[in-house]
């Protein structure tokens, strides 16, 4: 038995807004890497129709199609954990709506999703700054609570070494600490460009990607690898050798 735990994490697939080509790469990689733990770090559904301040164009989008697409990807990915993101949490929050019809529909949808997670044996965490943190050794996984070009720095200052989604960008920030501390934004698997963001230059940072890691089961030390498309290709090593003064160990 290897001393190393293999992790894989994806984030921000956004239901029917998923980019199928990028998602296919992640699923192919999963088959090759054979991770011990697979984490979906949130926003598996978009739920734009129930966004606070949603415009008329958003309100006409089908919740049913969004949920179906989100479930379809999760059935293929088969994550061990699902960390609800801010988009997902919209549905859970809607259970407190003062409109009885909306509240009852939200309760019905939440029950359906929770049964779906239970059937696939997917453990979940809420979108919450404390309860939404998943730890593997010294690495913490969260959906994300900060946005913008300094999001990695903000998450690292609060959570230490971590992976986050939420920003749809690939980025990292090393904090000046005695123990090496790096926060990483792992990218997204949803579409990058939409009509509404065609003039938002900040969205030029958005990129398809996901992350994987080796975590030592005893010491908690880890090494992260960022999956991203470079020069039109995804170059993703899945077979590793760990070198020490005593020799080497293959992890693959």
Protein backbone atom coordinates (compact mmCIF):
# COMPACT_ATOMS: atom_id res chain seq x y z
CA UNK A 1 0.00 0.00 0.00
CA UNK A 2 1.36 3.41 -0.98
CA UNK A 3 2.13 5.98 1.68
CA UNK A 4 0.67 8.61 -0.62
CA UNK A 5 -2.96 9.60 -1.15
CA UNK A 6 -3.90 10.69 -4.67
CA UNK A 7 -6.35 13.61 -4.93
CA UNK A 8 -8.13 15.13 -7.89
CA UNK A 9 -10.36 18.22 -7.74
CA UNK A 10 -12.51 20.08 -10.25
CA UNK A 11 -14.62 23.17 -9.77
CA UNK A 12 -17.19 25.42 -11.41
CA UNK A 13 -18.88 23.20 -13.99
CA UNK A 14 -22.11 25.24 -13.69
CA UNK A 15 -24.71 22.72 -14.82
CA UNK A 16 -25.87 23.34 -18.38
CA UNK A 17 -23.07 25.91 -18.84
CA UNK A 18 -20.43 23.16 -18.73
CA UNK A 19 -17.73 23.12 -21.39
CA UNK A 20 -18.03 19.53 -22.63
CA UNK A 21 -14.58 19.42 -24.24
CA UNK A 22 -12.80 20.51 -21.04
CA UNK A 23 -14.96 18.20 -18.91
CA UNK A 24 -14.08 15.27 -21.18
CA UNK A 25 -10.37 15.84 -20.50
CA UNK A 26 -10.97 15.80 -16.74
CA UNK A 27 -12.92 12.54 -17.00
CA UNK A 28 -10.24 10.94 -19.17
CA UNK A 29 -7.57 12.03 -16.71
CA UNK A 30 -9.53 10.50 -13.82
CA UNK A 31 -9.44 7.11 -15.55
CA UNK A 32 -5.65 7.31 -15.98
CA UNK A 33 -4.75 8.84 -12.61
CA UNK A 34 -7.14 6.67 -10.54
CA UNK A 35 -7.37 9.09 -7.60
CA UNK A 36 -8.20 7.88 -4.11
CA UNK A 37 -10.32 10.98 -3.49
CA UNK A 38 -12.20 13.02 -6.09
CA UNK A 39 -13.58 16.39 -5.02
CA UNK A 40 -15.98 18.66 -6.84
CA UNK A 41 -15.28 22.04 -5.25
CA UNK A 42 -18.64 23.60 -6.01
CA UNK A 43 -20.89 25.40 -8.46
CA UNK A 44 -21.87 22.12 -10.01
CA UNK A 45 -25.15 23.83 -10.88
CA UNK A 46 -25.65 27.36 -12.13
CA UNK A 47 -29.17 28.23 -10.91
CA UNK A 48 -29.05 31.60 -12.67
CA UNK A 49 -32.85 31.69 -12.78
CA UNK A 50 -32.95 32.15 -9.00
CA UNK A 51 -30.03 34.53 -8.73
CA UNK A 52 -30.81 37.57 -6.64
CA UNK A 53 -31.33 40.33 -9.16
CA UNK A 54 -31.69 37.91 -12.09
CA UNK A 55 -32.86 39.65 -15.26
CA UNK A 56 -35.68 38.42 -17.49
CA UNK A 57 -33.29 36.51 -19.77
CA UNK A 58 -31.95 34.56 -16.80
CA UNK A 59 -35.36 33.89 -15.29
CA UNK A 60 -36.60 32.06 -18.39
CA UNK A 61 -33.80 29.47 -18.26
CA UNK A 62 -34.95 26.01 -17.23
CA UNK A 63 -33.92 24.83 -13.77
CA UNK A 64 -34.68 21.30 -14.93
CA UNK A 65 -32.11 21.38 -17.74
CA UNK A 66 -29.52 22.89 -15.40
CA UNK A 67 -30.04 20.20 -12.76
CA UNK A 68 -30.02 17.42 -15.36
CA UNK A 69 -26.70 18.58 -16.82
CA UNK A 70 -25.15 18.99 -13.36
CA UNK A 71 -26.23 15.51 -12.33
CA UNK A 72 -25.02 14.02 -15.60
CA UNK A 73 -21.47 15.24 -15.04
CA UNK A 74 -21.45 14.16 -11.39
CA UNK A 75 -22.59 10.67 -12.38
CA UNK A 76 -19.59 10.43 -14.71
CA UNK A 77 -17.12 12.00 -12.30
CA UNK A 78 -18.34 10.09 -9.22
CA UNK A 79 -16.71 12.43 -6.69
CA UNK A 80 -16.24 11.37 -3.10
CA UNK A 81 -16.98 14.95 -1.96
CA UNK A 82 -19.07 17.84 -3.23
CA UNK A 83 -18.45 21.25 -1.65
CA UNK A 84 -21.46 23.43 -2.38
CA UNK A 85 -20.55 26.74 -4.04
CA UNK A 86 -22.33 30.06 -3.92
CA UNK A 87 -24.37 29.18 -7.02
CA UNK A 88 -25.43 25.83 -5.54
CA UNK A 89 -26.31 27.43 -2.22
CA UNK A 90 -28.95 29.59 -3.90
CA UNK A 91 -31.28 26.60 -3.93
CA UNK A 92 -30.67 25.72 -0.27
CA UNK A 93 -31.20 29.38 0.72
CA UNK A 94 -34.47 29.49 -1.22
CA UNK A 95 -36.03 27.11 1.30
CA UNK A 96 -36.50 30.19 3.52
CA UNK A 97 -38.39 32.14 0.83
CA UNK A 98 -41.59 33.87 1.99
CA UNK A 99 -43.35 32.74 -1.18
CA UNK A 100 -44.84 29.34 -0.29
CA UNK A 101 -44.82 28.05 -3.88
CA UNK A 102 -41.15 28.95 -4.36
CA UNK A 103 -40.25 27.60 -0.91
CA UNK A 104 -41.97 24.26 -1.53
CA UNK A 105 -40.31 23.88 -4.94
CA UNK A 106 -36.90 24.62 -3.42
CA UNK A 107 -37.47 22.07 -0.66
CA UNK A 108 -38.48 19.47 -3.24
CA UNK A 109 -35.39 20.15 -5.37
CA UNK A 110 -33.05 20.06 -2.37
CA UNK A 111 -34.53 16.74 -1.27
CA UNK A 112 -34.01 15.34 -4.77
CA UNK A 113 -30.37 16.46 -4.89
CA UNK A 114 -29.62 15.15 -1.40
CA UNK A 115 -31.07 11.77 -2.36
CA UNK A 116 -28.96 11.88 -5.52
CA UNK A 117 -25.79 12.55 -3.49
CA UNK A 118 -26.68 9.77 -1.07
CA UNK A 119 -27.29 7.29 -3.91
CA UNK A 120 -23.85 8.03 -5.40
CA UNK A 121 -22.25 8.04 -1.93
CA UNK A 122 -21.11 11.63 -2.36
CA UNK A 123 -20.40 13.42 0.91
CA UNK A 124 -21.21 17.12 0.95
CA UNK A 125 -20.27 20.32 2.74
CA UNK A 126 -22.22 23.60 2.73
CA UNK A 127 -21.06 26.91 1.32
CA UNK A 128 -19.73 28.20 4.62
CA UNK A 129 -16.45 29.87 5.60
CA UNK A 130 -15.95 27.37 8.46
CA UNK A 131 -18.06 24.28 7.77
CA UNK A 132 -17.23 24.30 4.04
CA UNK A 133 -13.53 23.51 4.49
CA UNK A 134 -12.24 20.04 3.54
CA UNK A 135 -8.78 19.03 4.77
CA UNK A 136 -6.31 16.48 3.44
CA UNK A 137 -3.11 16.67 5.44
CA UNK A 138 -1.80 20.24 5.27
CA UNK A 139 -3.97 21.07 2.24
CA UNK A 140 -7.40 22.67 2.57
CA UNK A 141 -10.03 22.65 -0.17
CA UNK A 142 -12.77 25.29 -0.36
CA UNK A 143 -15.10 26.60 -3.01
CA UNK A 144 -13.92 30.18 -2.50
CA UNK A 145 -15.10 33.38 -0.85
CA UNK A 146 -13.00 36.07 -2.55
CA UNK A 147 -12.88 37.21 -6.17
CA UNK A 148 -10.62 39.34 -8.35
CA UNK A 149 -6.93 39.20 -9.13
CA UNK A 150 -5.93 39.05 -5.44
CA UNK A 151 -8.27 36.18 -4.54
CA UNK A 152 -5.44 33.66 -4.06
CA UNK A 153 -3.65 36.00 -1.67
CA UNK A 154 -6.84 36.60 0.32
CA UNK A 155 -7.62 32.89 0.60
CA UNK A 156 -4.03 32.04 1.54
CA UNK A 157 -3.97 34.66 4.31
CA UNK A 158 -7.09 33.12 5.84
CA UNK A 159 -6.77 29.41 5.12
CA UNK A 160 -3.06 28.78 4.56
CA UNK A 161 -2.18 26.28 1.84
CA UNK A 162 -5.39 25.72 -0.08
CA UNK A 163 -7.12 25.11 -3.38
CA UNK A 164 -10.13 27.18 -4.33
CA UNK A 165 -12.46 27.65 -7.27
CA UNK A 166 -15.00 30.47 -7.59
CA UNK A 167 -12.84 32.83 -9.68
CA UNK A 168 -12.75 30.60 -12.80
CA UNK A 169 -9.06 31.52 -13.10
CA UNK A 170 -5.80 29.61 -12.81
CA UNK A 171 -3.54 31.37 -10.37
CA UNK A 172 -1.35 30.86 -7.31
CA UNK A 173 0.13 32.95 -4.54
CA UNK A 174 3.00 31.98 -2.22
CA UNK A 175 2.75 33.61 1.19
CA UNK A 176 5.88 34.74 3.04
CA UNK A 177 5.89 32.17 5.85
CA UNK A 178 8.48 29.86 7.40
CA UNK A 179 6.45 26.84 6.28
CA UNK A 180 5.83 26.91 2.52
CA UNK A 181 2.27 28.17 2.06
CA UNK A 182 0.65 28.41 -1.35
CA UNK A 183 -2.94 29.19 -2.29
CA UNK A 184 -4.06 27.99 -5.71
CA UNK A 185 -7.03 28.84 -7.89
CA UNK A 186 -7.64 25.71 -9.97
CA UNK A 187 -9.66 27.06 -12.92
CA UNK A 188 -13.05 25.95 -14.19
CA UNK A 189 -14.74 23.47 -16.51
CA UNK A 190 -17.56 25.74 -17.66
CA UNK A 191 -17.74 27.94 -20.73
CA UNK A 192 -15.44 30.96 -20.59
CA UNK A 193 -17.25 33.49 -22.76
CA UNK A 194 -20.87 34.64 -22.71
CA UNK A 195 -22.87 37.49 -24.13
CA UNK A 196 -23.03 39.21 -20.74
CA UNK A 197 -19.23 39.26 -20.20
CA UNK A 198 -18.15 40.08 -23.76
CA UNK A 199 -16.86 43.51 -22.66
CA UNK A 200 -15.54 42.48 -19.20
CA UNK A 201 -11.77 42.32 -19.65
CA UNK A 202 -11.39 40.76 -16.19
CA UNK A 203 -12.85 37.56 -17.65
CA UNK A 204 -9.73 37.21 -19.82
CA UNK A 205 -8.22 35.53 -16.74
CA UNK A 206 -10.78 32.72 -16.90
CA UNK A 207 -9.25 29.40 -17.91
CA UNK A 208 -10.10 25.72 -18.08
CA UNK A 209 -8.27 23.61 -15.55
CA UNK A 210 -8.36 21.31 -12.54
CA UNK A 211 -5.87 20.17 -9.92
CA UNK A 212 -4.42 16.97 -8.56
CA UNK A 213 -2.01 16.15 -5.76
CA UNK A 214 -0.08 13.61 -3.78
CA UNK A 215 -0.59 13.84 0.00
CA UNK A 216 1.53 11.83 2.41
CA UNK A 217 -0.86 9.89 4.62
CA UNK A 218 1.31 10.12 7.73
CA UNK A 219 3.02 13.52 7.59
CA UNK A 220 0.37 15.47 5.65
CA UNK A 221 2.92 17.02 3.28
CA UNK A 222 1.64 17.37 -0.26
CA UNK A 223 2.57 18.38 -3.77
CA UNK A 224 0.08 20.04 -6.13
CA UNK A 225 -0.12 19.74 -9.90
CA UNK A 226 -2.14 22.14 -12.04
CA UNK A 227 -3.89 20.76 -15.11
CA UNK A 228 -4.33 23.33 -17.85
CA UNK A 229 -4.30 23.61 -21.61
CA UNK A 230 -0.98 24.92 -22.93
CA UNK A 231 -0.35 25.49 -26.63
CA UNK A 232 -3.54 23.69 -27.51
CA UNK A 233 -2.62 20.55 -25.54
CA UNK A 234 -3.22 19.18 -22.07
CA UNK A 235 0.05 17.69 -20.78
CA UNK A 236 -0.80 15.77 -17.62
CA UNK A 237 1.69 13.37 -16.03
CA UNK A 238 0.00 10.64 -13.98
CA UNK A 239 2.93 8.40 -13.02
CA UNK A 240 5.32 9.62 -10.31
CA UNK A 241 8.47 8.63 -8.49
CA UNK A 242 9.13 9.97 -4.99
CA UNK A 243 12.86 10.35 -4.37
CA UNK A 244 14.42 10.25 -0.90
CA UNK A 245 17.91 9.66 0.49
CA UNK A 246 16.96 5.98 0.84
CA UNK A 247 15.87 5.56 -2.77
CA UNK A 248 12.70 6.05 -4.76
CA UNK A 249 9.07 4.95 -4.61
CA UNK A 250 6.72 4.83 -7.59
CA UNK A 251 3.26 6.31 -7.13
CA UNK A 252 1.08 5.78 -10.17
